[in-house]
PDB file of all heavy atoms in Angstrom:
ATOM      1  N   LEU A   1       3.731 -13.200   4.285  1.00  0.00           N
ATOM      2  CA  LEU A   1       3.125 -12.364   3.251  1.00  0.00           C
ATOM      3  C   LEU A   1       2.094 -13.167   2.462  1.00  0.00           C
ATOM      4  O   LEU A   1       0.982 -12.681   2.198  1.00  0.00           O
ATOM      5  CB  LEU A   1       4.207 -11.821   2.318  1.00  0.00           C
ATOM      6  CG  LEU A   1       3.723 -11.021   1.109  1.00  0.00           C
ATOM      7  CD1 LEU A   1       2.916  -9.802   1.530  1.00  0.00           C
ATOM      8  CD2 LEU A   1       4.912 -10.586   0.240  1.00  0.00           C
ATOM      9  N   ALA A   2       2.435 -14.400   2.123  1.00  0.00           N
ATOM     10  CA  ALA A   2       1.512 -15.238   1.350  1.00  0.00           C
ATOM     11  C   ALA A   2       0.240 -15.524   2.129  1.00  0.00           C
ATOM     12  O   ALA A   2      -0.873 -15.483   1.581  1.00  0.00           O
ATOM     13  CB  ALA A   2       2.201 -16.548   0.964  1.00  0.00           C
ATOM     14  N   ALA A   3       0.361 -15.826   3.424  1.00  0.00           N
ATOM     15  CA  ALA A   3      -0.811 -16.161   4.232  1.00  0.00           C
ATOM     16  C   ALA A   3      -1.767 -14.983   4.341  1.00  0.00           C
ATOM     17  O   ALA A   3      -2.993 -15.133   4.182  1.00  0.00           O
ATOM     18  CB  ALA A   3      -0.367 -16.621   5.616  1.00  0.00           C
ATOM     19  N   VAL A   4      -1.236 -13.788   4.614  1.00  0.00           N
ATOM     20  CA  VAL A   4      -2.089 -12.606   4.755  1.00  0.00           C
ATOM     21  C   VAL A   4      -2.681 -12.224   3.399  1.00  0.00           C
ATOM     22  O   VAL A   4      -3.859 -11.854   3.302  1.00  0.00           O
ATOM     23  CB  VAL A   4      -1.296 -11.439   5.372  1.00  0.00           C
ATOM     24  CG1 VAL A   4      -2.116 -10.150   5.325  1.00  0.00           C
ATOM     25  CG2 VAL A   4      -0.915 -11.759   6.809  1.00  0.00           C
ATOM     26  N   ALA A   5      -1.874 -12.312   2.339  1.00  0.00           N
ATOM     27  CA  ALA A   5      -2.390 -11.988   1.008  1.00  0.00           C
ATOM     28  C   ALA A   5      -3.534 -12.920   0.622  1.00  0.00           C
ATOM     29  O   ALA A   5      -4.563 -12.480   0.091  1.00  0.00           O
ATOM     30  CB  ALA A   5      -1.266 -12.073  -0.021  1.00  0.00           C
ATOM     31  N   ALA A   6      -3.382 -14.219   0.903  1.00  0.00           N
ATOM     32  CA  ALA A   6      -4.445 -15.171   0.570  1.00  0.00           C
ATOM     33  C   ALA A   6      -5.717 -14.863   1.344  1.00  0.00           C
ATOM     34  O   ALA A   6      -6.831 -14.935   0.794  1.00  0.00           O
ATOM     35  CB  ALA A   6      -3.968 -16.586   0.873  1.00  0.00           C
ATOM     36  N   GLU A   7      -5.563 -14.492   2.614  1.00  0.00           N
ATOM     37  CA  GLU A   7      -6.737 -14.132   3.424  1.00  0.00           C
ATOM     38  C   GLU A   7      -7.480 -12.948   2.804  1.00  0.00           C
ATOM     39  O   GLU A   7      -8.722 -12.959   2.696  1.00  0.00           O
ATOM     40  CB  GLU A   7      -6.288 -13.777   4.839  1.00  0.00           C
ATOM     41  CG  GLU A   7      -7.394 -13.292   5.744  1.00  0.00           C
ATOM     42  CD  GLU A   7      -6.868 -12.721   7.058  1.00  0.00           C
ATOM     43  OE1 GLU A   7      -5.796 -13.154   7.520  1.00  0.00           O
ATOM     44  OE2 GLU A   7      -7.538 -11.816   7.606  1.00  0.00           O
ATOM     45  N   LEU A   8      -6.724 -11.940   2.372  1.00  0.00           N
ATOM     46  CA  LEU A   8      -7.360 -10.750   1.798  1.00  0.00           C
ATOM     47  C   LEU A   8      -7.924 -11.020   0.410  1.00  0.00           C
ATOM     48  O   LEU A   8      -8.962 -10.462   0.043  1.00  0.00           O
ATOM     49  CB  LEU A   8      -6.353  -9.595   1.757  1.00  0.00           C
ATOM     50  CG  LEU A   8      -5.917  -9.043   3.115  1.00  0.00           C
ATOM     51  CD1 LEU A   8      -4.852  -7.973   2.946  1.00  0.00           C
ATOM     52  CD2 LEU A   8      -7.101  -8.477   3.890  1.00  0.00           C
ATOM     53  N   LEU A   9      -7.253 -11.860  -0.352  1.00  0.00           N
ATOM     54  CA  LEU A   9      -7.782 -12.203  -1.682  1.00  0.00           C
ATOM     55  C   LEU A   9      -9.121 -12.917  -1.570  1.00  0.00           C
ATOM     56  O   LEU A   9      -9.996 -12.754  -2.432  1.00  0.00           O
ATOM     57  CB  LEU A   9      -6.781 -13.070  -2.439  1.00  0.00           C
ATOM     58  CG  LEU A   9      -5.500 -12.373  -2.903  1.00  0.00           C
ATOM     59  CD1 LEU A   9      -4.531 -13.386  -3.503  1.00  0.00           C
ATOM     60  CD2 LEU A   9      -5.800 -11.256  -3.904  1.00  0.00           C
ATOM     61  N   ASP A  10      -9.283 -13.685  -0.494  1.00  0.00           N
ATOM     62  CA  ASP A  10     -10.539 -14.417  -0.292  1.00  0.00           C
ATOM     63  C   ASP A  10     -11.623 -13.567   0.369  1.00  0.00           C
ATOM     64  O   ASP A  10     -12.756 -14.029   0.522  1.00  0.00           O
ATOM     65  CB  ASP A  10     -10.285 -15.649   0.588  1.00  0.00           C
ATOM     66  CG  ASP A  10      -9.467 -16.708  -0.125  1.00  0.00           C
ATOM     67  OD1 ASP A  10      -9.349 -16.638  -1.365  1.00  0.00           O
ATOM     68  OD2 ASP A  10      -8.932 -17.607   0.559  1.00  0.00           O
ATOM     69  N   ASP A  11     -11.277 -12.343   0.758  1.00  0.00           N
ATOM     70  CA  ASP A  11     -12.214 -11.499   1.510  1.00  0.00           C
ATOM     71  C   ASP A  11     -12.264 -10.103   0.893  1.00  0.00           C
ATOM     72  O   ASP A  11     -11.651  -9.162   1.416  1.00  0.00           O
ATOM     73  CB  ASP A  11     -11.776 -11.434   2.976  1.00  0.00           C
ATOM     74  CG  ASP A  11     -12.819 -10.786   3.876  1.00  0.00           C
ATOM     75  OD1 ASP A  11     -13.763 -10.161   3.353  1.00  0.00           O
ATOM     76  OD2 ASP A  11     -12.674 -10.900   5.114  1.00  0.00           O
ATOM     77  N   PRO A  12     -12.960  -9.928  -0.217  1.00  0.00           N
ATOM     78  CA  PRO A  12     -12.999  -8.610  -0.864  1.00  0.00           C
ATOM     79  C   PRO A  12     -13.585  -7.525   0.024  1.00  0.00           C
ATOM     80  O   PRO A  12     -13.219  -6.356  -0.109  1.00  0.00           O
ATOM     81  CB  PRO A  12     -13.848  -8.849  -2.111  1.00  0.00           C
ATOM     82  CG  PRO A  12     -14.580 -10.136  -1.870  1.00  0.00           C
ATOM     83  CD  PRO A  12     -13.716 -10.946  -0.966  1.00  0.00           C
ATOM     84  N   ASP A  13     -14.484  -7.882   0.942  1.00  0.00           N
ATOM     85  CA  ASP A  13     -15.040  -6.866   1.837  1.00  0.00           C
ATOM     86  C   ASP A  13     -13.961  -6.293   2.755  1.00  0.00           C
ATOM     87  O   ASP A  13     -13.922  -5.088   3.009  1.00  0.00           O
ATOM     88  CB  ASP A  13     -16.171  -7.462   2.682  1.00  0.00           C
ATOM     89  CG  ASP A  13     -17.410  -7.758   1.857  1.00  0.00           C
ATOM     90  OD1 ASP A  13     -17.540  -7.190   0.746  1.00  0.00           O
ATOM     91  OD2 ASP A  13     -18.247  -8.556   2.310  1.00  0.00           O
ATOM     92  N   GLN A  14     -13.091  -7.178   3.252  1.00  0.00           N
ATOM     93  CA  GLN A  14     -12.001  -6.692   4.104  1.00  0.00           C
ATOM     94  C   GLN A  14     -11.040  -5.819   3.295  1.00  0.00           C
ATOM     95  O   GLN A  14     -10.584  -4.772   3.779  1.00  0.00           O
ATOM     96  CB  GLN A  14     -11.237  -7.865   4.735  1.00  0.00           C
ATOM     97  CG  GLN A  14     -10.154  -7.391   5.694  1.00  0.00           C
ATOM     98  CD  GLN A  14      -9.355  -8.513   6.323  1.00  0.00           C
ATOM     99  OE1 GLN A  14      -8.449  -8.265   7.126  1.00  0.00           O
ATOM    100  NE2 GLN A  14      -9.651  -9.759   5.980  1.00  0.00           N
ATOM    101  N   ARG A  15     -10.742  -6.218   2.069  1.00  0.00           N
ATOM    102  CA  ARG A  15      -9.879  -5.395   1.220  1.00  0.00           C
ATOM    103  C   ARG A  15     -10.476  -4.010   1.017  1.00  0.00           C
ATOM    104  O   ARG A  15      -9.790  -2.998   1.127  1.00  0.00           O
ATOM    105  CB  ARG A  15      -9.671  -6.052  -0.159  1.00  0.00           C
ATOM    106  CG  ARG A  15      -8.868  -7.310  -0.155  1.00  0.00           C
ATOM    107  CD  ARG A  15      -8.250  -7.574  -1.532  1.00  0.00           C
ATOM    108  NE  ARG A  15      -9.183  -7.490  -2.647  1.00  0.00           N
ATOM    109  CZ  ARG A  15      -9.887  -8.505  -3.121  1.00  0.00           C
ATOM    110  NH1 ARG A  15      -9.825  -9.686  -2.525  1.00  0.00           N
ATOM    111  NH2 ARG A  15     -10.683  -8.353  -4.164  1.00  0.00           N
ATOM    112  N   GLU A  16     -11.757  -3.979   0.731  1.00  0.00           N
ATOM    113  CA  GLU A  16     -12.422  -2.696   0.509  1.00  0.00           C
ATOM    114  C   GLU A  16     -12.414  -1.844   1.765  1.00  0.00           C
ATOM    115  O   GLU A  16     -12.155  -0.637   1.716  1.00  0.00           O
ATOM    116  CB  GLU A  16     -13.857  -2.950   0.045  1.00  0.00           C
ATOM    117  CG  GLU A  16     -14.648  -1.687  -0.280  1.00  0.00           C
ATOM    118  CD  GLU A  16     -14.135  -0.964  -1.508  1.00  0.00           C
ATOM    119  OE1 GLU A  16     -13.498  -1.601  -2.356  1.00  0.00           O
ATOM    120  OE2 GLU A  16     -14.374   0.260  -1.595  1.00  0.00           O
ATOM    121  N   ARG A  17     -12.679  -2.481   2.912  1.00  0.00           N
ATOM    122  CA  ARG A  17     -12.705  -1.738   4.183  1.00  0.00           C
ATOM    123  C   ARG A  17     -11.330  -1.165   4.509  1.00  0.00           C
ATOM    124  O   ARG A  17     -11.212   0.012   4.872  1.00  0.00           O
ATOM    125  CB  ARG A  17     -13.163  -2.661   5.314  1.00  0.00           C
ATOM    126  CG  ARG A  17     -13.086  -2.023   6.697  1.00  0.00           C
ATOM    127  CD  ARG A  17     -13.559  -2.971   7.786  1.00  0.00           C
ATOM    128  NE  ARG A  17     -12.721  -4.158   7.905  1.00  0.00           N
ATOM    129  CZ  ARG A  17     -11.544  -4.183   8.551  1.00  0.00           C
ATOM    130  NH1 ARG A  17     -11.053  -3.065   9.088  1.00  0.00           N
ATOM    131  NH2 ARG A  17     -10.859  -5.304   8.639  1.00  0.00           N
ATOM    132  N   LEU A  18     -10.281  -1.975   4.370  1.00  0.00           N
ATOM    133  CA  LEU A  18      -8.932  -1.506   4.679  1.00  0.00           C
ATOM    134  C   LEU A  18      -8.512  -0.394   3.723  1.00  0.00           C
ATOM    135  O   LEU A  18      -7.912   0.614   4.139  1.00  0.00           O
ATOM    136  CB  LEU A  18      -7.940  -2.665   4.600  1.00  0.00           C
ATOM    137  CG  LEU A  18      -8.067  -3.753   5.666  1.00  0.00           C
ATOM    138  CD1 LEU A  18      -7.098  -4.888   5.381  1.00  0.00           C
ATOM    139  CD2 LEU A  18      -7.828  -3.192   7.063  1.00  0.00           C
ATOM    140  N   GLY A  19      -8.821  -0.561   2.432  1.00  0.00           N
ATOM    141  CA  GLY A  19      -8.441   0.457   1.466  1.00  0.00           C
ATOM    142  C   GLY A  19      -9.143   1.784   1.710  1.00  0.00           C
ATOM    143  O   GLY A  19      -8.517   2.852   1.636  1.00  0.00           O
ATOM    144  N   ALA A  20     -10.436   1.733   2.011  1.00  0.00           N
ATOM    145  CA  ALA A  20     -11.183   2.971   2.275  1.00  0.00           C
ATOM    146  C   ALA A  20     -10.684   3.652   3.537  1.00  0.00           C
ATOM    147  O   ALA A  20     -10.528   4.883   3.589  1.00  0.00           O
ATOM    148  CB  ALA A  20     -12.667   2.652   2.384  1.00  0.00           C
ATOM    149  N   ALA A  21     -10.394   2.865   4.580  1.00  0.00           N
ATOM    150  CA  ALA A  21      -9.886   3.441   5.829  1.00  0.00           C
ATOM    151  C   ALA A  21      -8.501   4.045   5.625  1.00  0.00           C
ATOM    152  O   ALA A  21      -8.195   5.124   6.161  1.00  0.00           O
ATOM    153  CB  ALA A  21      -9.846   2.367   6.911  1.00  0.00           C
ATOM    154  N   ALA A  22      -7.653   3.362   4.844  1.00  0.00           N
ATOM    155  CA  ALA A  22      -6.312   3.881   4.572  1.00  0.00           C
ATOM    156  C   ALA A  22      -6.388   5.205   3.823  1.00  0.00           C
ATOM    157  O   ALA A  22      -5.650   6.149   4.129  1.00  0.00           O
ATOM    158  CB  ALA A  22      -5.514   2.858   3.772  1.00  0.00           C
ATOM    159  N   ARG A  23      -7.267   5.268   2.848  1.00  0.00           N
ATOM    160  CA  ARG A  23      -7.383   6.484   2.047  1.00  0.00           C
ATOM    161  C   ARG A  23      -7.755   7.686   2.929  1.00  0.00           C
ATOM    162  O   ARG A  23      -7.125   8.749   2.842  1.00  0.00           O
ATOM    163  CB  ARG A  23      -8.429   6.289   0.949  1.00  0.00           C
ATOM    164  CG  ARG A  23      -8.523   7.426  -0.049  1.00  0.00           C
ATOM    165  CD  ARG A  23      -9.536   7.110  -1.154  1.00  0.00           C
ATOM    166  NE  ARG A  23      -9.439   8.074  -2.231  1.00  0.00           N
ATOM    167  CZ  ARG A  23     -10.022   9.271  -2.221  1.00  0.00           C
ATOM    168  NH1 ARG A  23     -10.758   9.635  -1.184  1.00  0.00           N
ATOM    169  NH2 ARG A  23      -9.869  10.087  -3.260  1.00  0.00           N
ATOM    170  N   ALA A  24      -8.745   7.509   3.783  1.00  0.00           N
ATOM    171  CA  ALA A  24      -9.176   8.615   4.642  1.00  0.00           C
ATOM    172  C   ALA A  24      -8.095   8.974   5.658  1.00  0.00           C
ATOM    173  O   ALA A  24      -7.800  10.156   5.894  1.00  0.00           O
ATOM    174  CB  ALA A  24     -10.473   8.231   5.352  1.00  0.00           C
ATOM    175  N   ASP A  25      -7.495   7.962   6.274  1.00  0.00           N
ATOM    176  CA  ASP A  25      -6.515   8.195   7.333  1.00  0.00           C
ATOM    177  C   ASP A  25      -5.255   8.858   6.802  1.00  0.00           C
ATOM    178  O   ASP A  25      -4.778   9.860   7.360  1.00  0.00           O
ATOM    179  CB  ASP A  25      -6.176   6.852   7.990  1.00  0.00           C
ATOM    180  CG  ASP A  25      -5.115   6.991   9.073  1.00  0.00           C
ATOM    181  OD1 ASP A  25      -5.399   7.651  10.081  1.00  0.00           O
ATOM    182  OD2 ASP A  25      -4.008   6.445   8.901  1.00  0.00           O
ATOM    183  N   VAL A  26      -4.692   8.330   5.725  1.00  0.00           N
ATOM    184  CA  VAL A  26      -3.429   8.845   5.205  1.00  0.00           C
ATOM    185  C   VAL A  26      -3.600  10.242   4.630  1.00  0.00           C
ATOM    186  O   VAL A  26      -2.747  11.119   4.819  1.00  0.00           O
ATOM    187  CB  VAL A  26      -2.858   7.859   4.166  1.00  0.00           C
ATOM    188  CG1 VAL A  26      -1.781   8.516   3.318  1.00  0.00           C
ATOM    189  CG2 VAL A  26      -2.295   6.631   4.870  1.00  0.00           C
ATOM    190  N   ARG A  27      -4.713  10.480   3.944  1.00  0.00           N
ATOM    191  CA  ARG A  27      -4.925  11.821   3.395  1.00  0.00           C
ATOM    192  C   ARG A  27      -5.075  12.873   4.489  1.00  0.00           C
ATOM    193  O   ARG A  27      -4.731  14.043   4.270  1.00  0.00           O
ATOM    194  CB  ARG A  27      -6.148  11.819   2.470  1.00  0.00           C
ATOM    195  CG  ARG A  27      -5.880  11.157   1.130  1.00  0.00           C
ATOM    196  CD  ARG A  27      -7.141  11.000   0.290  1.00  0.00           C
ATOM    197  NE  ARG A  27      -6.831  10.411  -1.010  1.00  0.00           N
ATOM    198  CZ  ARG A  27      -6.634  11.100  -2.123  1.00  0.00           C
ATOM    199  NH1 ARG A  27      -6.750  12.414  -2.120  1.00  0.00           N
ATOM    200  NH2 ARG A  27      -6.339  10.480  -3.249  1.00  0.00           N
ATOM    201  N   ALA A  28      -5.542  12.472   5.661  1.00  0.00           N
ATOM    202  CA  ALA A  28      -5.653  13.419   6.770  1.00  0.00           C
ATOM    203  C   ALA A  28      -4.315  13.607   7.487  1.00  0.00           C
ATOM    204  O   ALA A  28      -3.872  14.737   7.728  1.00  0.00           O
ATOM    205  CB  ALA A  28      -6.711  12.936   7.764  1.00  0.00           C
ATOM    206  N   ARG A  29      -3.654  12.503   7.822  1.00  0.00           N
ATOM    207  CA  ARG A  29      -2.441  12.596   8.640  1.00  0.00           C
ATOM    208  C   ARG A  29      -1.205  13.037   7.851  1.00  0.00           C
ATOM    209  O   ARG A  29      -0.252  13.554   8.439  1.00  0.00           O
ATOM    210  CB  ARG A  29      -2.158  11.259   9.319  1.00  0.00           C
ATOM    211  CG  ARG A  29      -3.145  10.891  10.403  1.00  0.00           C
ATOM    212  CD  ARG A  29      -2.645   9.733  11.251  1.00  0.00           C
ATOM    213  NE  ARG A  29      -2.454   8.513  10.491  1.00  0.00           N
ATOM    214  CZ  ARG A  29      -1.301   7.871  10.397  1.00  0.00           C
ATOM    215  NH1 ARG A  29      -0.209   8.327  11.003  1.00  0.00           N
ATOM    216  NH2 ARG A  29      -1.209   6.739   9.689  1.00  0.00           N
ATOM    217  N   PHE A  30      -1.205  12.807   6.549  1.00  0.00           N
ATOM    218  CA  PHE A  30      -0.038  13.136   5.735  1.00  0.00           C
ATOM    219  C   PHE A  30      -0.359  14.217   4.700  1.00  0.00           C
ATOM    220  O   PHE A  30       0.219  14.227   3.610  1.00  0.00           O
ATOM    221  CB  PHE A  30       0.476  11.869   5.042  1.00  0.00           C
ATOM    222  CG  PHE A  30       1.000  10.824   5.980  1.00  0.00           C
ATOM    223  CD1 PHE A  30       0.131   9.894   6.547  1.00  0.00           C
ATOM    224  CD2 PHE A  30       2.339  10.778   6.328  1.00  0.00           C
ATOM    225  CE1 PHE A  30       0.595   8.921   7.421  1.00  0.00           C
ATOM    226  CE2 PHE A  30       2.814   9.810   7.206  1.00  0.00           C
ATOM    227  CZ  PHE A  30       1.940   8.884   7.752  1.00  0.00           C
TER     228      PHE A  30
END
């Protein structure tokens, strides 16, 4: 958990991409 969290904390673009994709995907499928 710490390793992946540190990777994402250092990469705001990846955080933004994952969050935007999650929002669209979950709102459609659920």
